[in-house]
């Protein structure tokens, strides 16, 4: 009986997800300002971040100090080439451009990055009303020099955007039983190479 209920619920979730996608497609886009961001190459506007494409996926990341945001970015990173065949992709956080790039390199992320510095952009374009550094993603569309916010999604345990939670769910595990970490390497008691100059 439980197996049948699980299969029925999975089908309902699939059907609801299809309805959600259709609603987002039909959702009316709202005009937004052409915000400015800091990057390693200087100031760039929101229009610049489209990089010649008509759609932009702006990933709202809380910064290098958030293990959960790192998990989401780790999961999205392999899809970057596929995503960029359809739209422009940029990871935005409050961290400075140098901190962003150093952390991205340490994770082998392919994202283009830009810093909103905690300013007007993230306060006005938040994915959750009242939370100005909530992780998530926003899709923007452009028509000539006009920018429109098409849709947004909030990132959080159990959401549609991080497969880790659904895979853990197969094992009956959730946020209460598991917390993401930056690294899972456990240092051996004795290193065969002598352990000189080890960076933790």
Protein backbone atom coordinates (compact mmCIF):
# COMPACT_ATOMS: atom_id res chain seq x y z
CA UNK A 1 0.00 0.00 0.00
CA UNK A 2 2.75 2.48 0.92
CA UNK A 3 4.55 1.76 -2.37
CA UNK A 4 1.42 2.63 -4.37
CA UNK A 5 0.88 5.80 -2.34
CA UNK A 6 4.48 6.86 -2.99
CA UNK A 7 4.10 6.31 -6.74
CA UNK A 8 0.80 8.23 -6.80
CA UNK A 9 2.33 11.10 -4.86
CA UNK A 10 5.35 11.18 -7.17
CA UNK A 11 3.00 11.46 -10.16
CA UNK A 12 1.06 14.26 -8.46
CA UNK A 13 4.31 16.12 -7.75
CA UNK A 14 5.34 15.71 -11.41
CA UNK A 15 1.96 17.01 -12.63
CA UNK A 16 2.03 19.95 -10.20
CA UNK A 17 5.57 20.80 -11.30
CA UNK A 18 4.39 20.92 -14.93
CA UNK A 19 1.55 23.26 -13.90
CA UNK A 20 4.06 25.43 -12.02
CA UNK A 21 6.27 25.70 -15.13
CA UNK A 22 3.24 26.67 -17.25
CA UNK A 23 2.19 29.35 -14.75
CA UNK A 24 5.70 30.78 -14.68
CA UNK A 25 5.78 30.88 -18.48
CA UNK A 26 2.51 32.85 -18.54
CA UNK A 27 3.41 35.10 -15.60
CA UNK A 28 3.47 38.80 -16.40
CA UNK A 29 6.97 40.27 -16.34
CA UNK A 30 7.63 43.39 -14.26
CA UNK A 31 10.04 46.17 -15.29
CA UNK A 32 13.17 46.63 -13.15
CA UNK A 33 16.01 49.19 -13.08
CA UNK A 34 19.36 48.62 -14.74
CA UNK A 35 21.28 47.92 -11.51
CA UNK A 36 25.06 48.19 -11.30
CA UNK A 37 27.43 45.50 -10.02
CA UNK A 38 31.12 45.20 -9.19
CA UNK A 39 33.18 42.60 -11.04
CA UNK A 40 36.86 41.83 -11.41
CA UNK A 41 36.84 43.74 -14.69
CA UNK A 42 35.05 46.79 -13.27
CA UNK A 43 31.46 47.99 -13.06
CA UNK A 44 28.83 46.14 -15.07
CA UNK A 45 25.13 46.86 -15.39
CA UNK A 46 22.30 44.34 -15.26
CA UNK A 47 21.99 44.77 -19.03
CA UNK A 48 25.67 43.90 -19.40
CA UNK A 49 25.09 40.64 -17.51
CA UNK A 50 22.76 39.44 -20.29
CA UNK A 51 25.91 39.08 -22.42
CA UNK A 52 23.99 39.40 -25.67
CA UNK A 53 21.21 36.97 -24.71
CA UNK A 54 17.53 37.78 -24.18
CA UNK A 55 17.23 35.92 -20.85
CA UNK A 56 19.35 36.04 -17.70
CA UNK A 57 19.40 33.60 -14.79
CA UNK A 58 20.65 35.49 -11.73
CA UNK A 59 21.55 33.11 -8.93
CA UNK A 60 21.28 34.78 -5.52
CA UNK A 61 24.04 33.32 -3.35
CA UNK A 62 24.53 34.43 0.27
CA UNK A 63 28.31 34.31 -0.16
CA UNK A 64 31.25 32.14 0.70
CA UNK A 65 30.18 31.82 4.33
CA UNK A 66 27.05 29.78 3.56
CA UNK A 67 27.39 26.00 3.25
CA UNK A 68 23.86 25.66 1.91
CA UNK A 69 24.40 28.21 -0.87
CA UNK A 70 27.63 26.42 -1.72
CA UNK A 71 25.71 23.13 -2.03
CA UNK A 72 23.23 24.71 -4.46
CA UNK A 73 26.00 26.27 -6.56
CA UNK A 74 27.95 22.98 -6.57
CA UNK A 75 24.82 21.29 -7.92
CA UNK A 76 24.07 23.87 -10.61
CA UNK A 77 27.69 24.23 -11.74
CA UNK A 78 27.80 21.10 -13.99
CA UNK A 79 24.75 22.41 -15.89
CA UNK A 80 26.37 25.76 -16.77
CA UNK A 81 27.30 24.83 -20.38
CA UNK A 82 23.77 23.49 -20.95
CA UNK A 83 22.11 26.51 -19.31
CA UNK A 84 24.26 28.98 -21.23
CA UNK A 85 23.07 27.48 -24.50
CA UNK A 86 19.65 28.94 -23.62
CA UNK A 87 20.29 31.96 -21.40
CA UNK A 88 22.97 33.97 -19.66
CA UNK A 89 23.92 32.83 -16.14
CA UNK A 90 25.57 34.83 -13.35
CA UNK A 91 26.10 34.13 -9.65
CA UNK A 92 25.50 37.20 -7.48
CA UNK A 93 26.53 37.67 -3.85
CA UNK A 94 27.52 40.41 -1.41
CA UNK A 95 31.16 39.23 -1.41
CA UNK A 96 33.74 41.37 -3.18
CA UNK A 97 34.71 40.29 -6.71
CA UNK A 98 38.11 39.01 -5.57
CA UNK A 99 36.56 36.92 -2.79
CA UNK A 100 33.94 35.60 -5.21
CA UNK A 101 36.52 34.53 -7.77
CA UNK A 102 38.87 32.97 -5.22
CA UNK A 103 36.02 30.94 -3.72
CA UNK A 104 34.61 30.00 -7.14
CA UNK A 105 38.03 28.77 -8.23
CA UNK A 106 38.39 26.71 -5.06
CA UNK A 107 35.11 24.94 -5.96
CA UNK A 108 35.88 24.67 -9.70
CA UNK A 109 32.78 26.73 -10.45
CA UNK A 110 32.26 27.93 -14.02
CA UNK A 111 29.90 30.75 -13.07
CA UNK A 112 30.42 34.32 -14.11
CA UNK A 113 30.22 36.27 -10.86
CA UNK A 114 29.24 39.79 -9.87
CA UNK A 115 28.87 41.53 -6.51
CA UNK A 116 25.79 43.47 -5.44
CA UNK A 117 27.59 44.39 -2.21
CA UNK A 118 24.38 44.13 -0.18
CA UNK A 119 22.98 47.23 -1.89
CA UNK A 120 19.75 48.17 -3.65
CA UNK A 121 19.72 45.24 -6.04
CA UNK A 122 19.40 42.50 -3.44
CA UNK A 123 17.04 44.54 -1.26
CA UNK A 124 14.69 45.26 -4.15
CA UNK A 125 15.08 42.03 -6.12
CA UNK A 126 15.00 39.60 -3.19
CA UNK A 127 13.35 36.23 -3.83
CA UNK A 128 11.53 36.49 -0.47
CA UNK A 129 9.80 39.64 0.70
CA UNK A 130 11.49 41.04 3.81
CA UNK A 131 14.66 38.95 3.41
CA UNK A 132 17.40 40.86 1.60
CA UNK A 133 19.96 38.05 1.39
CA UNK A 134 17.76 35.03 0.75
CA UNK A 135 19.23 32.44 -1.62
CA UNK A 136 17.36 31.71 -4.81
CA UNK A 137 17.25 32.62 -8.46
CA UNK A 138 15.59 35.25 -10.61
CA UNK A 139 15.00 35.11 -14.35
CA UNK A 140 15.10 38.41 -16.21
CA UNK A 141 14.18 39.14 -19.80
CA UNK A 142 15.27 42.07 -21.91
CA UNK A 143 13.68 43.93 -24.76
CA UNK A 144 16.19 46.37 -26.23
CA UNK A 145 17.33 48.40 -23.20
CA UNK A 146 14.36 47.48 -21.00
CA UNK A 147 14.67 44.75 -18.34
CA UNK A 148 11.82 42.70 -16.90
CA UNK A 149 11.68 40.31 -13.96
CA UNK A 150 9.93 37.20 -15.25
CA UNK A 151 10.04 34.74 -12.34
CA UNK A 152 11.88 33.78 -9.17
CA UNK A 153 12.41 30.80 -6.90
CA UNK A 154 13.61 30.42 -3.33
CA UNK A 155 16.43 28.00 -2.52
CA UNK A 156 15.99 25.96 0.65
CA UNK A 157 16.08 22.35 1.88
CA UNK A 158 13.55 20.23 0.01
CA UNK A 159 13.13 22.66 -2.91
CA UNK A 160 12.96 21.84 -6.61
CA UNK A 161 16.43 23.18 -7.38
CA UNK A 162 18.80 20.95 -5.41
CA UNK A 163 18.61 17.24 -6.19
CA UNK A 164 20.58 16.39 -3.03
CA UNK A 165 17.47 16.68 -0.84
CA UNK A 166 15.38 14.39 -3.03
CA UNK A 167 18.15 11.80 -3.17
CA UNK A 168 18.58 11.96 0.61
CA UNK A 169 14.80 11.65 0.89
CA UNK A 170 15.01 8.24 -0.77
CA UNK A 171 17.01 7.16 2.29
CA UNK A 172 14.59 8.84 4.69
CA UNK A 173 17.04 11.63 5.45
CA UNK A 174 16.35 15.37 5.52
CA UNK A 175 17.59 18.64 6.93
CA UNK A 176 17.25 17.35 10.51
CA UNK A 177 19.65 14.47 9.82
CA UNK A 178 22.15 16.05 7.39
CA UNK A 179 23.91 19.40 7.01
CA UNK A 180 26.13 20.26 4.02
CA UNK A 181 29.80 20.97 4.63
CA UNK A 182 32.42 22.75 2.55
CA UNK A 183 34.61 19.66 2.50
CA UNK A 184 34.24 16.04 3.56
CA UNK A 185 37.89 15.10 3.66
CA UNK A 186 38.99 13.74 7.03
CA UNK A 187 42.69 14.15 7.71
CA UNK A 188 44.37 10.81 8.41
CA UNK A 189 46.18 10.45 11.74
CA UNK A 190 49.41 9.90 9.78
CA UNK A 191 50.13 11.27 6.33
CA UNK A 192 52.30 9.11 4.09
CA UNK A 193 53.86 12.21 2.51
CA UNK A 194 55.01 13.56 5.88
CA UNK A 195 52.31 16.23 6.13
CA UNK A 196 54.56 19.25 5.52
CA UNK A 197 52.85 22.49 4.41
CA UNK A 198 49.36 21.04 4.70
CA UNK A 199 46.59 23.61 4.23
CA UNK A 200 43.49 22.69 6.19
